[in-house]
Amino acid sequence: MKRWKKVLEGNNDIIQDDDVREYFYQEYAKSNIKVTPGHWPNFKSRKEVDEWINHLQKLESIFDTLFDDKDNCDKDIEDI
């Protein structure tokens, strides 16, 4: 947490609400996703944070499915 908080401290103006910003720092640090600092929405609520992280994790899962198995390279995304 300290490591990410230090990286993100310069971007306090992006997420206006102090509580939501702190929640974002905590959830982001626990997640397996990584985004260039500052390249996230101005979250208005904890729910928005959760949804954003969840969507990025789903995208990661889709890409893992598509590219980790060479047999999937010829499949349409609808087939997976």
C-alpha atoms as a PDB file:
ATOM      1  CA  MET A   1       0.000   0.000   0.000  1.00  0.00           C
ATOM      2  CA  LYS A   2       2.713   2.501   0.903  1.00  0.00           C
ATOM      3  CA  ARG A   3       4.470   1.877  -2.386  1.00  0.00           C
ATOM      4  CA  TRP A   4       1.360   2.661  -4.455  1.00  0.00           C
ATOM      5  CA  LYS A   5       0.279   5.532  -2.265  1.00  0.00           C
ATOM      6  CA  LYS A   6       3.626   7.218  -2.835  1.00  0.00           C
ATOM      7  CA  VAL A   7       3.331   6.738  -6.605  1.00  0.00           C
ATOM      8  CA  LEU A   8      -0.226   8.029  -6.622  1.00  0.00           C
ATOM      9  CA  GLU A   9       0.154  10.960  -4.219  1.00  0.00           C
ATOM     10  CA  GLY A  10       0.921  13.369  -7.018  1.00  0.00           C
ATOM     11  CA  ASN A  11      -2.465  12.594  -8.568  1.00  0.00           C
ATOM     12  CA  ASN A  12      -4.716  13.554  -5.651  1.00  0.00           C
ATOM     13  CA  ASP A  13      -6.569  16.065  -7.812  1.00  0.00           C
ATOM     14  CA  ILE A  14      -7.857  13.338 -10.141  1.00  0.00           C
ATOM     15  CA  ILE A  15     -10.144  11.683  -7.580  1.00  0.00           C
ATOM     16  CA  GLN A  16     -11.801  14.536  -5.731  1.00  0.00           C
ATOM     17  CA  ASP A  17     -13.467  12.708  -2.842  1.00  0.00           C
ATOM     18  CA  ASP A  18     -10.939  11.877  -0.099  1.00  0.00           C
ATOM     19  CA  ASP A  19     -12.774   8.737   1.046  1.00  0.00           C
ATOM     20  CA  VAL A  20     -13.149   7.396  -2.503  1.00  0.00           C
ATOM     21  CA  ARG A  21      -9.507   8.215  -3.286  1.00  0.00           C
ATOM     22  CA  GLU A  22      -8.265   6.303  -0.235  1.00  0.00           C
ATOM     23  CA  TYR A  23     -10.573   3.387  -1.064  1.00  0.00           C
ATOM     24  CA  PHE A  24      -9.240   3.392  -4.630  1.00  0.00           C
ATOM     25  CA  TYR A  25      -5.642   3.291  -3.379  1.00  0.00           C
ATOM     26  CA  GLN A  26      -6.436   0.290  -1.188  1.00  0.00           C
ATOM     27  CA  GLU A  27      -8.364  -1.657  -3.827  1.00  0.00           C
ATOM     28  CA  TYR A  28      -5.905  -0.834  -6.599  1.00  0.00           C
ATOM     29  CA  ALA A  29      -2.973  -2.023  -4.480  1.00  0.00           C
ATOM     30  CA  LYS A  30      -4.773  -5.316  -3.759  1.00  0.00           C
ATOM     31  CA  SER A  31      -5.729  -5.925  -7.386  1.00  0.00           C
ATOM     32  CA  ASN A  32      -3.648  -7.562 -10.079  1.00  0.00           C
ATOM     33  CA  ILE A  33      -4.268  -4.721 -12.527  1.00  0.00           C
ATOM     34  CA  LYS A  34      -1.821  -1.933 -13.184  1.00  0.00           C
ATOM     35  CA  VAL A  35      -2.527   1.333 -14.962  1.00  0.00           C
ATOM     36  CA  THR A  36      -0.231   4.275 -15.562  1.00  0.00           C
ATOM     37  CA  PRO A  37      -0.763   6.559 -12.552  1.00  0.00           C
ATOM     38  CA  GLY A  38      -3.395   9.163 -13.284  1.00  0.00           C
ATOM     39  CA  HIS A  39      -5.047   7.238 -16.117  1.00  0.00           C
ATOM     40  CA  TRP A  40      -8.235   6.382 -14.274  1.00  0.00           C
ATOM     41  CA  PRO A  41     -11.615   8.051 -13.973  1.00  0.00           C
ATOM     42  CA  ASN A  42     -12.544  10.641 -11.370  1.00  0.00           C
ATOM     43  CA  PHE A  43     -14.468   8.102  -9.330  1.00  0.00           C
ATOM     44  CA  LYS A  44     -17.483   9.493  -7.521  1.00  0.00           C
ATOM     45  CA  SER A  45     -18.178   6.434  -5.349  1.00  0.00           C
ATOM     46  CA  ARG A  46     -16.725   3.200  -4.038  1.00  0.00           C
ATOM     47  CA  LYS A  47     -19.117   1.363  -6.348  1.00  0.00           C
ATOM     48  CA  GLU A  48     -17.517   3.038  -9.378  1.00  0.00           C
ATOM     49  CA  VAL A  49     -14.089   1.944  -8.143  1.00  0.00           C
ATOM     50  CA  ASP A  50     -15.281  -1.647  -7.737  1.00  0.00           C
ATOM     51  CA  GLU A  51     -16.918  -1.694 -11.176  1.00  0.00           C
ATOM     52  CA  TRP A  52     -13.849  -0.241 -12.903  1.00  0.00           C
ATOM     53  CA  ILE A  53     -11.479  -2.746 -11.294  1.00  0.00           C
ATOM     54  CA  ASN A  54     -13.912  -5.582 -12.038  1.00  0.00           C
ATOM     55  CA  HIS A  55     -14.158  -4.589 -15.719  1.00  0.00           C
ATOM     56  CA  LEU A  56     -10.393  -4.421 -16.098  1.00  0.00           C
ATOM     57  CA  GLN A  57     -10.033  -7.839 -14.467  1.00  0.00           C
ATOM     58  CA  LYS A  58     -12.616  -9.251 -16.898  1.00  0.00           C
ATOM     59  CA  LEU A  59     -10.694  -7.769 -19.825  1.00  0.00           C
ATOM     60  CA  GLU A  60      -7.497  -9.306 -18.501  1.00  0.00           C
ATOM     61  CA  SER A  61      -9.215 -12.678 -18.265  1.00  0.00           C
ATOM     62  CA  ILE A  62     -10.468 -12.411 -21.848  1.00  0.00           C
ATOM     63  CA  PHE A  63      -6.986 -11.584 -23.133  1.00  0.00           C
ATOM     64  CA  ASP A  64      -5.476 -14.407 -21.098  1.00  0.00           C
ATOM     65  CA  THR A  65      -7.972 -16.813 -22.649  1.00  0.00           C
ATOM     66  CA  LEU A  66      -7.335 -15.533 -26.151  1.00  0.00           C
ATOM     67  CA  PHE A  67      -3.557 -15.393 -26.056  1.00  0.00           C
ATOM     68  CA  ASP A  68      -2.349 -17.934 -23.497  1.00  0.00           C
ATOM     69  CA  ASP A  69      -3.545 -20.877 -25.551  1.00  0.00           C
ATOM     70  CA  LYS A  70      -2.362 -20.875 -29.159  1.00  0.00           C
ATOM     71  CA  ASP A  71      -5.364 -23.033 -30.067  1.00  0.00           C
ATOM     72  CA  ASN A  72      -7.641 -20.106 -29.221  1.00  0.00           C
ATOM     73  CA  CYS A  73      -5.982 -17.779 -31.733  1.00  0.00           C
ATOM     74  CA  ASP A  74      -8.344 -18.882 -34.489  1.00  0.00           C
ATOM     75  CA  LYS A  75     -11.509 -18.641 -32.403  1.00  0.00           C
ATOM     76  CA  ASP A  76     -13.939 -15.782 -32.432  1.00  0.00           C
ATOM     77  CA  ILE A  77     -14.428 -14.096 -29.093  1.00  0.00           C
ATOM     78  CA  GLU A  78     -18.052 -15.307 -29.087  1.00  0.00           C
ATOM     79  CA  ASP A  79     -16.798 -18.907 -29.126  1.00  0.00           C
ATOM     80  CA  ILE A  80     -14.824 -18.550 -25.896  1.00  0.00           C
END
